[in-house]
């Protein structure tokens, strides 16, 4: 009897198992229906926005700046031959950016992008490639002009880098890591002099937190209106990638030398033709000067720009420490209305001019303050 109860219980359990796993699934729902119900619904309900939202004014301006300038920005690929460990020639390739400045195909970029290049190739936004030639270079300012022959070029609009304010919005377009047509946005973080790896000094460099990476060099830095205010040139980073500190050459520095680069292939560096010493308040009081700042002319180059304009050097021999100097010369305190306190101020003024320009120099001659117009000469011709 006990054995029969066990057998009946086993049959009941087997029947229940069959009912729930086989007959009930196939008969009432169907295996395929159950699968479809779980993984392939006939209608999917999702939550959608009521409609595409309009762009705000800032987004619209971002898009406008990009569309306005992207046809002008190019990728610059330079190829050079270097020697390997076994003194064999090995091709080396580098990439940077640049931007078109006129319809004749002149392109402004960094000198270090094309330095020592045996072949230069430019890729436009439409992906067409052209061979480029070097028109002129200015290593001291890390600038170069190259040229391609291509139709329907769109020149960038060059702005004004004077009076930039920390906090202004700026945009950088270039080819970081070879990623063509990339735009980043940031602000002017500071205006400061910086020294490049090759030793060149950028006066009033534009510091920005807009992302600048390898490949951005030579590309434009633009203001809110899409006007070029700088040429992206270097980053400050321990890892060789963006860390929020990038620098651009002011566009006014480039504009001051463009004519020379495009017509002569080099820059006629301006010079006053004077030797000077900076004046401190203590030194001014000691030698009895009329101003407690400026550059005292100790010597004028015979036949140079200052000499021809009538500026005077010192006539009274004295010593500054153990260094012999000449006192009694004119004291330069300003150029074109800009205060001049030391050689750095004079260098910044010279960087915004070229040989042949005329500047108005404010001096003290004894107790008399006066302005003298000086036609700048070429630095290589003057000491």
Protein backbone atom coordinates (compact mmCIF):
# COMPACT_ATOMS: atom_id res chain seq x y z
CA UNK A 1 0.00 0.00 0.00
CA UNK A 2 2.83 2.30 0.86
CA UNK A 3 4.48 1.56 -2.49
CA UNK A 4 1.26 2.38 -4.34
CA UNK A 5 0.95 5.77 -2.61
CA UNK A 6 4.51 6.60 -3.63
CA UNK A 7 3.81 5.66 -7.24
CA UNK A 8 0.61 7.73 -7.34
CA UNK A 9 2.43 10.76 -5.88
CA UNK A 10 5.15 10.42 -8.49
CA UNK A 11 2.58 10.30 -11.30
CA UNK A 12 0.84 13.39 -9.96
CA UNK A 13 4.12 15.33 -9.82
CA UNK A 14 5.05 14.26 -13.34
CA UNK A 15 1.64 15.28 -14.65
CA UNK A 16 1.87 18.67 -12.99
CA UNK A 17 5.30 19.21 -14.46
CA UNK A 18 4.05 18.27 -17.95
CA UNK A 19 1.03 20.56 -17.61
CA UNK A 20 2.97 23.66 -16.64
CA UNK A 21 6.01 23.19 -18.85
CA UNK A 22 4.62 21.68 -22.05
CA UNK A 23 0.87 21.47 -22.55
CA UNK A 24 0.02 24.81 -20.96
CA UNK A 25 2.72 26.69 -22.88
CA UNK A 26 1.95 25.12 -26.27
CA UNK A 27 -1.79 25.02 -25.85
CA UNK A 28 -2.70 28.30 -24.32
CA UNK A 29 0.14 30.73 -25.09
CA UNK A 30 2.43 28.93 -27.55
CA UNK A 31 6.15 28.86 -27.25
CA UNK A 32 6.71 31.37 -30.05
CA UNK A 33 4.10 33.74 -28.64
CA UNK A 34 5.79 33.74 -25.25
CA UNK A 35 9.13 34.53 -26.80
CA UNK A 36 7.66 37.32 -28.96
CA UNK A 37 5.89 38.80 -25.97
CA UNK A 38 9.16 38.97 -24.07
CA UNK A 39 11.61 40.16 -26.77
CA UNK A 40 9.71 41.37 -29.85
CA UNK A 41 6.81 43.61 -28.88
CA UNK A 42 4.56 44.79 -31.69
CA UNK A 43 4.67 48.39 -30.41
CA UNK A 44 7.38 50.25 -28.47
CA UNK A 45 6.48 53.21 -26.33
CA UNK A 46 9.24 55.81 -25.72
CA UNK A 47 9.25 59.30 -24.30
CA UNK A 48 10.04 61.91 -26.93
CA UNK A 49 10.55 65.66 -26.77
CA UNK A 50 7.60 67.71 -27.95
CA UNK A 51 9.74 69.18 -30.75
CA UNK A 52 13.30 70.24 -31.57
CA UNK A 53 14.24 73.09 -29.28
CA UNK A 54 15.65 76.24 -30.86
CA UNK A 55 19.32 77.05 -30.28
CA UNK A 56 20.12 79.81 -27.81
CA UNK A 57 22.08 82.88 -28.90
CA UNK A 58 25.40 81.54 -27.65
CA UNK A 59 25.03 78.26 -29.52
CA UNK A 60 24.02 80.11 -32.66
CA UNK A 61 27.13 82.27 -32.42
CA UNK A 62 29.36 79.21 -31.91
CA UNK A 63 27.95 77.66 -35.06
CA UNK A 64 28.27 80.93 -36.97
CA UNK A 65 31.96 81.33 -36.05
CA UNK A 66 32.68 77.75 -37.08
CA UNK A 67 30.86 77.93 -40.43
CA UNK A 68 32.44 81.28 -41.22
CA UNK A 69 36.01 80.16 -40.60
CA UNK A 70 36.21 76.43 -41.32
CA UNK A 71 36.69 76.98 -45.10
CA UNK A 72 39.78 79.10 -44.32
CA UNK A 73 41.53 76.64 -41.98
CA UNK A 74 43.91 74.12 -43.52
CA UNK A 75 45.95 71.12 -42.46
CA UNK A 76 49.68 71.49 -43.09
CA UNK A 77 51.77 68.34 -43.48
CA UNK A 78 55.53 68.75 -43.66
CA UNK A 79 58.03 66.07 -44.62
CA UNK A 80 61.73 66.24 -43.84
CA UNK A 81 64.67 63.87 -44.09
CA UNK A 82 66.59 63.06 -40.91
CA UNK A 83 69.49 60.78 -40.06
CA UNK A 84 68.82 57.62 -38.06
CA UNK A 85 71.18 55.86 -35.63
CA UNK A 86 73.14 54.38 -38.55
CA UNK A 87 73.36 57.77 -40.37
CA UNK A 88 70.83 56.72 -42.96
CA UNK A 89 68.24 59.12 -44.33
CA UNK A 90 64.81 58.55 -42.80
CA UNK A 91 61.66 60.51 -43.77
CA UNK A 92 59.95 62.31 -40.93
CA UNK A 93 56.45 63.76 -41.06
CA UNK A 94 54.86 66.50 -38.97
CA UNK A 95 51.44 68.07 -38.91
CA UNK A 96 50.10 71.47 -38.05
CA UNK A 97 47.48 73.98 -39.06
CA UNK A 98 47.27 77.26 -40.93
CA UNK A 99 44.73 79.64 -42.42
CA UNK A 100 44.24 81.30 -45.79
CA UNK A 101 44.86 85.05 -45.81
CA UNK A 102 44.10 85.93 -49.45
CA UNK A 103 42.63 84.50 -52.65
CA UNK A 104 46.13 84.11 -54.13
CA UNK A 105 46.64 81.14 -51.84
CA UNK A 106 48.90 82.64 -49.18
CA UNK A 107 48.61 80.76 -45.90
CA UNK A 108 49.86 81.91 -42.50
CA UNK A 109 51.26 79.28 -40.12
CA UNK A 110 54.02 78.77 -37.54
CA UNK A 111 57.64 78.60 -38.63
CA UNK A 112 58.21 75.50 -36.50
CA UNK A 113 55.46 73.68 -38.46
CA UNK A 114 57.42 73.86 -41.73
CA UNK A 115 61.01 74.31 -40.50
CA UNK A 116 63.52 72.11 -42.39
CA UNK A 117 60.71 70.69 -44.56
CA UNK A 118 61.67 69.27 -47.94
CA UNK A 119 58.04 68.92 -48.97
CA UNK A 120 54.86 70.64 -47.73
CA UNK A 121 51.31 69.52 -48.45
CA UNK A 122 48.16 71.47 -47.61
CA UNK A 123 44.75 69.84 -47.19
CA UNK A 124 41.72 72.12 -47.49
CA UNK A 125 38.43 71.69 -45.69
CA UNK A 126 37.00 69.99 -48.79
CA UNK A 127 39.79 67.36 -48.43
CA UNK A 128 41.56 68.44 -51.59
CA UNK A 129 45.34 68.36 -51.31
CA UNK A 130 47.86 70.79 -52.81
CA UNK A 131 51.63 71.10 -52.75
CA UNK A 132 52.82 74.27 -51.06
CA UNK A 133 55.92 76.42 -51.36
CA UNK A 134 57.50 78.59 -48.68
CA UNK A 135 57.14 82.30 -49.48
CA UNK A 136 58.81 83.76 -46.39
CA UNK A 137 59.78 82.93 -42.82
CA UNK A 138 60.41 84.85 -39.61
CA UNK A 139 61.96 82.46 -37.06
CA UNK A 140 62.23 85.25 -34.47
CA UNK A 141 58.42 85.51 -34.39
CA UNK A 142 57.78 81.82 -35.25
CA UNK A 143 55.85 82.84 -38.38
CA UNK A 144 55.85 81.59 -41.96
CA UNK A 145 53.84 82.26 -45.10
CA UNK A 146 53.36 79.40 -47.56
CA UNK A 147 51.39 79.41 -50.82
CA UNK A 148 49.24 77.00 -52.82
CA UNK A 149 47.53 77.29 -56.19
CA UNK A 150 43.86 76.48 -55.65
CA UNK A 151 40.55 77.96 -56.85
CA UNK A 152 37.77 79.57 -54.83
CA UNK A 153 39.74 80.09 -51.62
CA UNK A 154 38.05 81.78 -48.67
CA UNK A 155 40.40 84.15 -46.77
CA UNK A 156 40.04 84.52 -43.01
CA UNK A 157 39.21 87.96 -41.60
CA UNK A 158 42.14 89.34 -39.61
CA UNK A 159 41.09 91.24 -36.51
CA UNK A 160 42.91 93.49 -34.03
CA UNK A 161 44.79 92.05 -31.06
CA UNK A 162 45.20 95.38 -29.29
CA UNK A 163 43.29 95.97 -26.09
CA UNK A 164 42.32 92.33 -25.57
CA UNK A 165 40.73 91.79 -22.17
CA UNK A 166 41.18 88.84 -19.85
CA UNK A 167 37.86 87.01 -19.86
CA UNK A 168 37.02 87.54 -23.54
CA UNK A 169 35.63 84.48 -25.28
CA UNK A 170 37.88 82.96 -27.93
CA UNK A 171 37.70 80.05 -30.37
CA UNK A 172 40.49 77.86 -31.74
CA UNK A 173 40.12 75.88 -34.97
CA UNK A 174 42.75 73.44 -36.17
CA UNK A 175 43.73 69.82 -36.61
CA UNK A 176 44.71 68.45 -33.18
CA UNK A 177 46.20 64.97 -33.50
CA UNK A 178 45.26 65.12 -37.19
CA UNK A 179 41.53 65.45 -36.42
CA UNK A 180 40.66 67.97 -39.12
CA UNK A 181 38.17 70.77 -38.56
CA UNK A 182 38.11 70.72 -34.75
CA UNK A 183 36.88 73.79 -32.86
CA UNK A 184 37.35 74.45 -29.15
CA UNK A 185 36.24 77.37 -27.04
CA UNK A 186 37.64 79.21 -24.04
CA UNK A 187 38.62 82.64 -22.78
CA UNK A 188 41.64 84.90 -22.81
CA UNK A 189 43.35 83.81 -19.60
CA UNK A 190 46.18 86.34 -19.61
CA UNK A 191 48.41 88.53 -21.77
CA UNK A 192 52.07 87.86 -21.01
CA UNK A 193 55.51 87.46 -22.64
CA UNK A 194 56.53 83.81 -23.10
CA UNK A 195 59.63 82.09 -24.44
CA UNK A 196 59.21 79.36 -27.01
CA UNK A 197 61.28 76.14 -26.99
CA UNK A 198 63.47 77.53 -29.80
CA UNK A 199 64.36 80.56 -27.66
CA UNK A 200 62.13 83.06 -29.47
CA UNK A 201 60.15 85.40 -27.23
CA UNK A 202 56.51 86.22 -27.91
CA UNK A 203 55.73 89.67 -26.55
CA UNK A 204 52.16 90.02 -25.26
CA UNK A 205 51.33 86.39 -26.04
CA UNK A 206 47.65 85.52 -25.70
CA UNK A 207 47.22 82.86 -23.02
CA UNK A 208 44.00 80.85 -23.32
CA UNK A 209 42.30 77.84 -21.77
CA UNK A 210 40.75 76.86 -25.12
CA UNK A 211 41.97 73.31 -25.77
CA UNK A 212 45.13 73.44 -27.92
CA UNK A 213 46.97 70.22 -28.71
CA UNK A 214 49.71 68.99 -31.08
CA UNK A 215 48.44 69.74 -34.59
CA UNK A 216 46.79 73.03 -33.57
CA UNK A 217 50.02 74.98 -34.15
CA UNK A 218 49.58 77.62 -36.83
CA UNK A 219 45.79 77.62 -36.64
CA UNK A 220 43.69 80.70 -35.89
CA UNK A 221 42.52 81.94 -32.52
CA UNK A 222 39.35 83.99 -33.06
CA UNK A 223 37.23 86.41 -31.11
CA UNK A 224 33.46 86.38 -30.61
CA UNK A 225 32.93 87.86 -34.08
CA UNK A 226 35.00 85.18 -35.81
CA UNK A 227 37.93 87.52 -36.52
CA UNK A 228 41.44 86.13 -36.18
CA UNK A 229 43.22 87.70 -33.20
CA UNK A 230 46.07 85.22 -32.81
CA UNK A 231 48.01 82.26 -34.20
CA UNK A 232 48.00 79.23 -31.89
CA UNK A 233 51.61 78.28 -31.32
CA UNK A 234 52.38 76.33 -28.14
CA UNK A 235 51.09 74.68 -24.99
CA UNK A 236 52.46 74.53 -21.47
CA UNK A 237 52.20 70.90 -20.42
CA UNK A 238 54.27 68.21 -18.74
CA UNK A 239 52.58 65.48 -20.82
CA UNK A 240 52.62 67.15 -24.24
CA UNK A 241 48.84 67.54 -24.33
CA UNK A 242 46.33 70.20 -23.36
CA UNK A 243 46.35 71.20 -19.72
CA UNK A 244 44.38 74.41 -20.04
CA UNK A 245 47.40 76.63 -20.76
CA UNK A 246 47.95 77.47 -24.42
CA UNK A 247 49.52 80.47 -26.12
CA UNK A 248 48.94 82.34 -29.36
CA UNK A 249 50.99 84.96 -31.23
CA UNK A 250 49.03 88.25 -31.45
CA UNK A 251 47.74 88.79 -34.98
CA UNK A 252 49.06 92.37 -34.96
CA UNK A 253 52.59 90.97 -34.63
CA UNK A 254 51.97 88.94 -37.78
CA UNK A 255 50.34 91.81 -39.68
CA UNK A 256 53.38 93.99 -39.00
CA UNK A 257 55.65 91.58 -40.90
CA UNK A 258 53.30 90.12 -43.54
CA UNK A 259 54.25 92.60 -46.23
CA UNK A 260 57.96 91.84 -45.83
CA UNK A 261 57.36 88.08 -45.75
CA UNK A 262 55.26 88.13 -48.91
CA UNK A 263 57.41 90.55 -50.91
CA UNK A 264 60.95 89.90 -49.64
CA UNK A 265 60.73 86.46 -48.07
CA UNK A 266 62.22 87.80 -44.84
CA UNK A 267 61.51 90.49 -42.27
CA UNK A 268 63.30 93.81 -42.29
CA UNK A 269 63.73 94.08 -38.53
CA UNK A 270 63.44 97.73 -37.43
CA UNK A 271 66.10 99.49 -35.41
CA UNK A 272 66.59 102.92 -33.87
CA UNK A 273 70.37 102.78 -34.07
CA UNK A 274 71.01 103.66 -30.43
CA UNK A 275 72.63 102.14 -27.35
CA UNK A 276 70.66 102.75 -24.16
CA UNK A 277 70.55 102.01 -20.44
CA UNK A 278 67.33 101.73 -18.37
CA UNK A 279 66.73 104.43 -15.80
CA UNK A 280 65.50 103.73 -12.27
CA UNK A 281 64.26 106.40 -9.83
CA UNK A 282 67.50 106.10 -7.85
CA UNK A 283 69.72 106.53 -10.92
CA UNK A 284 67.58 109.38 -12.21
CA UNK A 285 68.03 111.24 -8.93
CA UNK A 286 71.77 110.55 -8.85
CA UNK A 287 72.48 111.96 -12.32
CA UNK A 288 69.77 114.64 -12.24
CA UNK A 289 67.36 113.52 -14.96
CA UNK A 290 63.97 115.11 -15.59
CA UNK A 291 62.09 111.76 -15.40
CA UNK A 292 62.61 108.76 -13.13
CA UNK A 293 62.07 106.18 -15.86
CA UNK A 294 62.90 105.57 -19.53
CA UNK A 295 65.92 104.68 -21.66
CA UNK A 296 68.93 106.98 -21.62
CA UNK A 297 70.74 107.15 -24.97
CA UNK A 298 74.46 106.65 -24.32
CA UNK A 299 75.49 106.27 -27.98
CA UNK A 300 73.97 106.97 -31.39
CA UNK A 301 75.05 104.91 -34.41
CA UNK A 302 76.59 107.30 -36.95
CA UNK A 303 74.34 107.55 -39.99
CA UNK A 304 71.63 105.47 -38.35
CA UNK A 305 67.95 106.28 -37.89
CA UNK A 306 68.31 108.14 -34.59
CA UNK A 307 71.34 110.07 -35.84
CA UNK A 308 69.50 111.20 -38.98
CA UNK A 309 66.50 112.29 -36.87
CA UNK A 310 68.71 114.40 -34.60
CA UNK A 311 68.64 112.29 -31.43
CA UNK A 312 71.72 112.74 -29.27
CA UNK A 313 73.94 110.37 -27.36
CA UNK A 314 75.98 111.06 -24.25
CA UNK A 315 79.02 113.34 -24.16
CA UNK A 316 80.12 113.08 -20.52
CA UNK A 317 82.11 110.01 -19.47
CA UNK A 318 81.00 108.29 -16.26
CA UNK A 319 80.87 104.85 -14.66
CA UNK A 320 77.87 102.69 -13.81
CA UNK A 321 79.52 100.36 -11.33
CA UNK A 322 82.59 99.25 -13.25
CA UNK A 323 80.96 99.87 -16.65
CA UNK A 324 81.96 103.05 -18.47
CA UNK A 325 78.98 104.97 -19.93
CA UNK A 326 78.33 108.34 -21.52
CA UNK A 327 75.89 110.73 -19.85
CA UNK A 328 74.14 113.79 -21.23
CA UNK A 329 72.19 112.09 -23.99
CA UNK A 330 68.45 112.21 -24.71
CA UNK A 331 66.13 110.28 -22.40
CA UNK A 332 63.47 108.24 -24.26
CA UNK A 333 60.22 108.07 -22.25
CA UNK A 334 57.64 107.16 -24.92
CA UNK A 335 57.03 106.01 -28.49
CA UNK A 336 53.80 106.81 -30.33
CA UNK A 337 52.19 107.78 -27.04
CA UNK A 338 53.13 104.49 -25.36
CA UNK A 339 55.22 104.74 -22.20
CA UNK A 340 58.72 103.27 -22.48
CA UNK A 341 60.36 102.23 -19.22
CA UNK A 342 62.86 99.57 -20.26
CA UNK A 343 64.20 97.48 -23.16
CA UNK A 344 61.18 95.15 -23.04
CA UNK A 345 58.85 98.06 -23.75
CA UNK A 346 61.07 99.16 -26.63
CA UNK A 347 61.15 95.59 -27.98
CA UNK A 348 57.35 95.35 -27.96
CA UNK A 349 57.07 98.59 -29.92
CA UNK A 350 59.65 97.41 -32.46
CA UNK A 351 57.81 94.10 -32.92
CA UNK A 352 54.77 96.02 -34.11
CA UNK A 353 56.77 97.88 -36.76
CA UNK A 354 59.11 97.15 -39.64
CA UNK A 355 62.01 98.98 -41.23
CA UNK A 356 60.80 102.09 -43.05
CA UNK A 357 58.02 102.92 -40.58
CA UNK A 358 58.07 106.32 -38.92
CA UNK A 359 57.52 106.55 -35.16
CA UNK A 360 57.11 109.54 -32.85
CA UNK A 361 59.61 109.35 -30.00
CA UNK A 362 59.07 111.39 -26.84
CA UNK A 363 62.31 112.44 -25.14
CA UNK A 364 63.71 114.70 -22.46
CA UNK A 365 66.65 116.79 -23.59
CA UNK A 366 67.82 118.24 -20.36
CA UNK A 367 64.68 119.77 -18.83
CA UNK A 368 62.90 120.13 -22.15
CA UNK A 369 60.32 117.54 -23.23
CA UNK A 370 59.91 117.12 -26.99
CA UNK A 371 58.75 114.76 -29.75
CA UNK A 372 60.99 113.61 -32.59
CA UNK A 373 59.87 111.69 -35.68
CA UNK A 374 62.24 108.83 -36.56
CA UNK A 375 62.17 106.69 -39.72
CA UNK A 376 63.19 103.22 -38.56
CA UNK A 377 66.11 101.59 -40.27
CA UNK A 378 66.88 97.90 -40.77
CA UNK A 379 68.42 96.10 -37.81
CA UNK A 380 71.00 94.16 -39.81
CA UNK A 381 72.42 97.44 -41.10
CA UNK A 382 72.74 99.07 -37.70
CA UNK A 383 74.57 98.19 -34.49
